[in-house]
PDB file of all heavy atoms in Angstrom:
ATOM      1  N   VAL A   1     166.479  84.410  30.277  1.00  0.00           N
ATOM      2  CA  VAL A   1     167.697  84.247  31.171  1.00  0.00           C
ATOM      3  C   VAL A   1     168.465  82.971  30.920  1.00  0.00           C
ATOM      4  O   VAL A   1     169.708  82.940  30.881  1.00  0.00           O
ATOM      5  CB  VAL A   1     167.254  84.348  32.634  1.00  0.00           C
ATOM      6  CG1 VAL A   1     168.445  84.182  33.522  1.00  0.00           C
ATOM      7  CG2 VAL A   1     166.614  85.734  32.951  1.00  0.00           C
ATOM      8  N   ASN A   2     167.708  81.879  30.688  1.00  0.00           N
ATOM      9  CA  ASN A   2     168.299  80.613  30.428  1.00  0.00           C
ATOM     10  C   ASN A   2     169.166  80.615  29.217  1.00  0.00           C
ATOM     11  O   ASN A   2     170.326  80.028  29.287  1.00  0.00           O
ATOM     12  CB  ASN A   2     167.260  79.517  30.220  1.00  0.00           C
ATOM     13  CG  ASN A   2     167.809  78.194  30.109  1.00  0.00           C
ATOM     14  OD1 ASN A   2     168.488  77.673  30.981  1.00  0.00           O
ATOM     15  ND2 ASN A   2     167.562  77.562  28.896  1.00  0.00           N
ATOM     16  N   ASP A   3     168.733  81.330  28.092  1.00  0.00           N
ATOM     17  CA  ASP A   3     169.519  81.352  26.942  1.00  0.00           C
ATOM     18  C   ASP A   3     170.893  82.116  27.139  1.00  0.00           C
ATOM     19  O   ASP A   3     171.901  81.796  26.566  1.00  0.00           O
ATOM     20  CB  ASP A   3     168.812  82.136  25.821  1.00  0.00           C
ATOM     21  CG  ASP A   3     167.555  81.304  25.359  1.00  0.00           C
ATOM     22  OD1 ASP A   3     167.533  80.124  25.570  1.00  0.00           O
ATOM     23  OD2 ASP A   3     166.584  81.975  24.783  1.00  0.00           O
ATOM     24  N   ILE A   4     170.889  83.003  28.080  1.00  0.00           N
ATOM     25  CA  ILE A   4     172.104  83.821  28.400  1.00  0.00           C
ATOM     26  C   ILE A   4     173.064  83.108  29.286  1.00  0.00           C
ATOM     27  O   ILE A   4     174.285  83.103  29.069  1.00  0.00           O
ATOM     28  CB  ILE A   4     171.759  85.180  28.952  1.00  0.00           C
ATOM     29  CG1 ILE A   4     170.918  86.017  27.882  1.00  0.00           C
ATOM     30  CG2 ILE A   4     172.957  85.940  29.368  1.00  0.00           C
ATOM     31  CD1 ILE A   4     170.365  87.357  28.476  1.00  0.00           C
ATOM     32  N   VAL A   5     172.540  82.473  30.346  1.00  0.00           N
ATOM     33  CA  VAL A   5     173.366  81.888  31.383  1.00  0.00           C
ATOM     34  C   VAL A   5     173.887  80.432  31.068  1.00  0.00           C
ATOM     35  O   VAL A   5     174.749  80.020  31.737  1.00  0.00           O
ATOM     36  CB  VAL A   5     172.665  81.939  32.780  1.00  0.00           C
ATOM     37  CG1 VAL A   5     172.360  83.301  33.153  1.00  0.00           C
ATOM     38  CG2 VAL A   5     171.491  80.955  32.807  1.00  0.00           C
ATOM     39  N   THR A   6     173.181  79.766  30.139  1.00  0.00           N
ATOM     40  CA  THR A   6     173.540  78.388  29.826  1.00  0.00           C
ATOM     41  C   THR A   6     175.043  78.163  29.488  1.00  0.00           C
ATOM     42  O   THR A   6     175.653  77.261  29.991  1.00  0.00           O
ATOM     43  CB  THR A   6     172.688  77.850  28.742  1.00  0.00           C
ATOM     44  OG1 THR A   6     171.286  77.802  29.117  1.00  0.00           O
ATOM     45  CG2 THR A   6     173.135  76.475  28.307  1.00  0.00           C
ATOM     46  N   PRO A   7     175.678  79.050  28.748  1.00  0.00           N
ATOM     47  CA  PRO A   7     177.158  78.859  28.399  1.00  0.00           C
ATOM     48  C   PRO A   7     178.091  79.074  29.548  1.00  0.00           C
ATOM     49  O   PRO A   7     179.287  78.687  29.559  1.00  0.00           O
ATOM     50  CB  PRO A   7     177.342  79.962  27.347  1.00  0.00           C
ATOM     51  CG  PRO A   7     176.058  80.330  26.854  1.00  0.00           C
ATOM     52  CD  PRO A   7     175.112  80.200  28.019  1.00  0.00           C
ATOM     53  N   TYR A   8     177.593  79.699  30.709  1.00  0.00           N
ATOM     54  CA  TYR A   8     178.477  79.973  31.771  1.00  0.00           C
ATOM     55  C   TYR A   8     178.783  78.774  32.543  1.00  0.00           C
ATOM     56  O   TYR A   8     177.928  77.793  32.692  1.00  0.00           O
ATOM     57  CB  TYR A   8     177.895  81.031  32.687  1.00  0.00           C
ATOM     58  CG  TYR A   8     178.011  82.458  32.164  1.00  0.00           C
ATOM     59  CD1 TYR A   8     177.005  82.982  31.352  1.00  0.00           C
ATOM     60  CD2 TYR A   8     179.065  83.191  32.466  1.00  0.00           C
ATOM     61  CE1 TYR A   8     177.120  84.221  30.848  1.00  0.00           C
ATOM     62  CE2 TYR A   8     179.188  84.498  32.153  1.00  0.00           C
ATOM     63  CZ  TYR A   8     178.234  85.018  31.195  1.00  0.00           C
ATOM     64  OH  TYR A   8     178.374  86.275  30.739  1.00  0.00           O
ATOM     65  N   ASP A   9     180.011  78.675  33.107  1.00  0.00           N
ATOM     66  CA  ASP A   9     180.464  77.575  33.831  1.00  0.00           C
ATOM     67  C   ASP A   9     179.950  77.582  35.312  1.00  0.00           C
ATOM     68  O   ASP A   9     180.791  77.910  36.251  1.00  0.00           O
ATOM     69  CB  ASP A   9     182.056  77.424  33.795  1.00  0.00           C
ATOM     70  CG  ASP A   9     182.589  76.236  34.375  1.00  0.00           C
ATOM     71  OD1 ASP A   9     181.917  75.250  34.419  1.00  0.00           O
ATOM     72  OD2 ASP A   9     183.788  76.112  34.820  1.00  0.00           O
ATOM     73  N   LEU A  10     178.632  77.358  35.412  1.00  0.00           N
ATOM     74  CA  LEU A  10     178.101  77.491  36.763  1.00  0.00           C
ATOM     75  C   LEU A  10     177.360  76.189  37.062  1.00  0.00           C
ATOM     76  O   LEU A  10     176.744  75.507  36.169  1.00  0.00           O
ATOM     77  CB  LEU A  10     177.071  78.613  36.707  1.00  0.00           C
ATOM     78  CG  LEU A  10     177.613  79.987  36.776  1.00  0.00           C
ATOM     79  CD1 LEU A  10     176.443  81.078  36.570  1.00  0.00           C
ATOM     80  CD2 LEU A  10     178.270  80.371  38.125  1.00  0.00           C
ATOM     81  N   PRO A  11     177.109  75.824  38.354  1.00  0.00           N
ATOM     82  CA  PRO A  11     176.351  74.717  38.714  1.00  0.00           C
ATOM     83  C   PRO A  11     174.852  74.943  38.461  1.00  0.00           C
ATOM     84  O   PRO A  11     174.448  76.185  38.420  1.00  0.00           O
ATOM     85  CB  PRO A  11     176.625  74.579  40.169  1.00  0.00           C
ATOM     86  CG  PRO A  11     177.032  75.875  40.656  1.00  0.00           C
ATOM     87  CD  PRO A  11     177.681  76.509  39.508  1.00  0.00           C
ATOM     88  N   TYR A  12     174.108  73.987  38.150  1.00  0.00           N
ATOM     89  CA  TYR A  12     172.719  74.158  37.855  1.00  0.00           C
ATOM     90  C   TYR A  12     171.908  74.899  38.885  1.00  0.00           C
ATOM     91  O   TYR A  12     170.905  75.519  38.750  1.00  0.00           O
ATOM     92  CB  TYR A  12     172.026  72.801  37.498  1.00  0.00           C
ATOM     93  CG  TYR A  12     171.801  71.925  38.637  1.00  0.00           C
ATOM     94  CD1 TYR A  12     170.594  71.963  39.408  1.00  0.00           C
ATOM     95  CD2 TYR A  12     172.711  70.970  38.996  1.00  0.00           C
ATOM     96  CE1 TYR A  12     170.362  71.179  40.448  1.00  0.00           C
ATOM     97  CE2 TYR A  12     172.512  70.153  40.148  1.00  0.00           C
ATOM     98  CZ  TYR A  12     171.325  70.152  40.830  1.00  0.00           C
ATOM     99  OH  TYR A  12     171.159  69.421  41.863  1.00  0.00           O
ATOM    100  N   GLN A  13     172.347  74.671  40.190  1.00  0.00           N
ATOM    101  CA  GLN A  13     171.703  75.394  41.282  1.00  0.00           C
ATOM    102  C   GLN A  13     171.717  76.890  41.155  1.00  0.00           C
ATOM    103  O   GLN A  13     170.831  77.628  41.581  1.00  0.00           O
ATOM    104  CB  GLN A  13     172.259  74.874  42.697  1.00  0.00           C
ATOM    105  CG  GLN A  13     172.066  73.461  42.917  1.00  0.00           C
ATOM    106  CD  GLN A  13     173.219  72.684  42.497  1.00  0.00           C
ATOM    107  OE1 GLN A  13     173.968  72.972  41.634  1.00  0.00           O
ATOM    108  NE2 GLN A  13     173.506  71.535  43.322  1.00  0.00           N
ATOM    109  N   ALA A  14     172.832  77.376  40.654  1.00  0.00           N
ATOM    110  CA  ALA A  14     173.023  78.832  40.461  1.00  0.00           C
ATOM    111  C   ALA A  14     172.297  79.349  39.231  1.00  0.00           C
ATOM    112  O   ALA A  14     171.647  80.394  39.283  1.00  0.00           O
ATOM    113  CB  ALA A  14     174.490  79.177  40.353  1.00  0.00           C
ATOM    114  N   LYS A  15     172.330  78.589  38.119  1.00  0.00           N
ATOM    115  CA  LYS A  15     171.610  78.918  37.015  1.00  0.00           C
ATOM    116  C   LYS A  15     170.087  79.039  37.224  1.00  0.00           C
ATOM    117  O   LYS A  15     169.432  79.871  36.757  1.00  0.00           O
ATOM    118  CB  LYS A  15     171.948  77.909  35.808  1.00  0.00           C
ATOM    119  CG  LYS A  15     173.380  77.928  35.312  1.00  0.00           C
ATOM    120  CD  LYS A  15     173.639  76.987  34.189  1.00  0.00           C
ATOM    121  CE  LYS A  15     175.010  77.103  33.716  1.00  0.00           C
ATOM    122  NZ  LYS A  15     175.341  76.134  32.629  1.00  0.00           N
ATOM    123  N   ASP A  16     169.615  78.038  37.930  1.00  0.00           N
ATOM    124  CA  ASP A  16     168.142  78.045  38.272  1.00  0.00           C
ATOM    125  C   ASP A  16     167.767  79.277  39.136  1.00  0.00           C
ATOM    126  O   ASP A  16     166.735  79.842  38.951  1.00  0.00           O
ATOM    127  CB  ASP A  16     167.686  76.719  38.986  1.00  0.00           C
ATOM    128  CG  ASP A  16     167.633  75.553  37.961  1.00  0.00           C
ATOM    129  OD1 ASP A  16     167.862  75.740  36.750  1.00  0.00           O
ATOM    130  OD2 ASP A  16     167.577  74.413  38.482  1.00  0.00           O
ATOM    131  N   ALA A  17     168.614  79.642  40.009  1.00  0.00           N
ATOM    132  CA  ALA A  17     168.382  80.743  40.954  1.00  0.00           C
ATOM    133  C   ALA A  17     168.408  82.108  40.012  1.00  0.00           C
ATOM    134  O   ALA A  17     167.513  82.934  40.301  1.00  0.00           O
ATOM    135  CB  ALA A  17     169.453  80.862  42.027  1.00  0.00           C
ATOM    136  N   LEU A  18     169.292  82.138  39.057  1.00  0.00           N
ATOM    137  CA  LEU A  18     169.286  83.262  38.216  1.00  0.00           C
ATOM    138  C   LEU A  18     168.038  83.372  37.321  1.00  0.00           C
ATOM    139  O   LEU A  18     167.507  84.477  37.206  1.00  0.00           O
ATOM    140  CB  LEU A  18     170.585  83.256  37.264  1.00  0.00           C
ATOM    141  CG  LEU A  18     171.856  83.602  37.918  1.00  0.00           C
ATOM    142  CD1 LEU A  18     173.048  83.230  36.987  1.00  0.00           C
ATOM    143  CD2 LEU A  18     171.935  85.052  38.265  1.00  0.00           C
ATOM    144  N   LYS A  19     167.579  82.292  36.891  1.00  0.00           N
ATOM    145  CA  LYS A  19     166.438  82.197  35.980  1.00  0.00           C
ATOM    146  C   LYS A  19     165.153  82.803  36.822  1.00  0.00           C
ATOM    147  O   LYS A  19     164.334  83.374  36.237  1.00  0.00           O
ATOM    148  CB  LYS A  19     166.136  80.841  35.526  1.00  0.00           C
ATOM    149  CG  LYS A  19     167.087  80.413  34.374  1.00  0.00           C
ATOM    150  CD  LYS A  19     166.693  79.102  33.728  1.00  0.00           C
ATOM    151  CE  LYS A  19     167.079  77.962  34.645  1.00  0.00           C
ATOM    152  NZ  LYS A  19     166.943  76.689  33.865  1.00  0.00           N
ATOM    153  N   SER A  20     165.153  82.612  38.167  1.00  0.00           N
ATOM    154  CA  SER A  20     164.004  82.993  38.915  1.00  0.00           C
ATOM    155  C   SER A  20     164.252  84.445  39.313  1.00  0.00           C
ATOM    156  O   SER A  20     163.309  85.212  39.380  1.00  0.00           O
ATOM    157  CB  SER A  20     163.931  82.153  40.152  1.00  0.00           C
ATOM    158  OG  SER A  20     162.889  82.606  41.018  1.00  0.00           O
ATOM    159  N   TYR A  21     165.594  84.818  39.640  1.00  0.00           N
ATOM    160  CA  TYR A  21     165.815  86.152  40.192  1.00  0.00           C
ATOM    161  C   TYR A  21     165.849  87.318  39.211  1.00  0.00           C
ATOM    162  O   TYR A  21     165.299  88.349  39.421  1.00  0.00           O
ATOM    163  CB  TYR A  21     167.147  86.060  40.938  1.00  0.00           C
ATOM    164  CG  TYR A  21     167.673  87.358  41.495  1.00  0.00           C
ATOM    165  CD1 TYR A  21     166.918  88.033  42.527  1.00  0.00           C
ATOM    166  CD2 TYR A  21     168.898  87.891  41.271  1.00  0.00           C
ATOM    167  CE1 TYR A  21     167.258  89.181  43.068  1.00  0.00           C
ATOM    168  CE2 TYR A  21     169.313  88.986  41.784  1.00  0.00           C
ATOM    169  CZ  TYR A  21     168.590  89.685  42.755  1.00  0.00           C
ATOM    170  OH  TYR A  21     168.935  90.875  43.304  1.00  0.00           O
ATOM    171  N   VAL A  22     166.501  87.080  38.053  1.00  0.00           N
ATOM    172  CA  VAL A  22     166.684  88.252  37.124  1.00  0.00           C
ATOM    173  C   VAL A  22     165.354  88.815  36.608  1.00  0.00           C
ATOM    174  O   VAL A  22     165.261  90.062  36.551  1.00  0.00           O
ATOM    175  CB  VAL A  22     167.577  87.733  35.911  1.00  0.00           C
ATOM    176  CG1 VAL A  22     167.590  88.810  34.803  1.00  0.00           C
ATOM    177  CG2 VAL A  22     168.917  87.348  36.393  1.00  0.00           C
ATOM    178  N   PRO A  23     164.316  88.017  36.262  1.00  0.00           N
ATOM    179  CA  PRO A  23     163.072  88.688  35.800  1.00  0.00           C
ATOM    180  C   PRO A  23     162.457  89.621  36.810  1.00  0.00           C
ATOM    181  O   PRO A  23     161.594  90.422  36.457  1.00  0.00           O
ATOM    182  CB  PRO A  23     162.204  87.439  35.468  1.00  0.00           C
ATOM    183  CG  PRO A  23     163.138  86.353  35.200  1.00  0.00           C
ATOM    184  CD  PRO A  23     164.310  86.563  36.101  1.00  0.00           C
ATOM    185  N   LYS A  24     162.806  89.367  38.042  1.00  0.00           N
ATOM    186  CA  LYS A  24     162.219  90.223  39.163  1.00  0.00           C
ATOM    187  C   LYS A  24     162.961  91.537  39.391  1.00  0.00           C
ATOM    188  O   LYS A  24     162.412  92.459  40.039  1.00  0.00           O
ATOM    189  CB  LYS A  24     162.206  89.409  40.478  1.00  0.00           C
ATOM    190  CG  LYS A  24     161.471  88.114  40.491  1.00  0.00           C
ATOM    191  CD  LYS A  24     161.557  87.390  41.794  1.00  0.00           C
ATOM    192  CE  LYS A  24     160.883  86.094  41.773  1.00  0.00           C
ATOM    193  NZ  LYS A  24     161.133  85.373  43.100  1.00  0.00           N
ATOM    194  N   LEU A  25     164.122  91.615  38.834  1.00  0.00           N
ATOM    195  CA  LEU A  25     164.979  92.720  39.214  1.00  0.00           C
ATOM    196  C   LEU A  25     164.280  94.097  38.789  1.00  0.00           C
ATOM    197  O   LEU A  25     164.295  95.009  39.664  1.00  0.00           O
ATOM    198  CB  LEU A  25     166.294  92.663  38.571  1.00  0.00           C
ATOM    199  CG  LEU A  25     167.272  91.679  39.208  1.00  0.00           C
ATOM    200  CD1 LEU A  25     168.602  91.461  38.353  1.00  0.00           C
ATOM    201  CD2 LEU A  25     167.793  92.191  40.519  1.00  0.00           C
TER     202      LEU A  25
END
């Protein structure tokens, strides 16, 4: 997930949440 979301213009708090959330989907 980190490899995919890193280029996005998002705050680190949102990227960290995505890294935890997406694998659970």
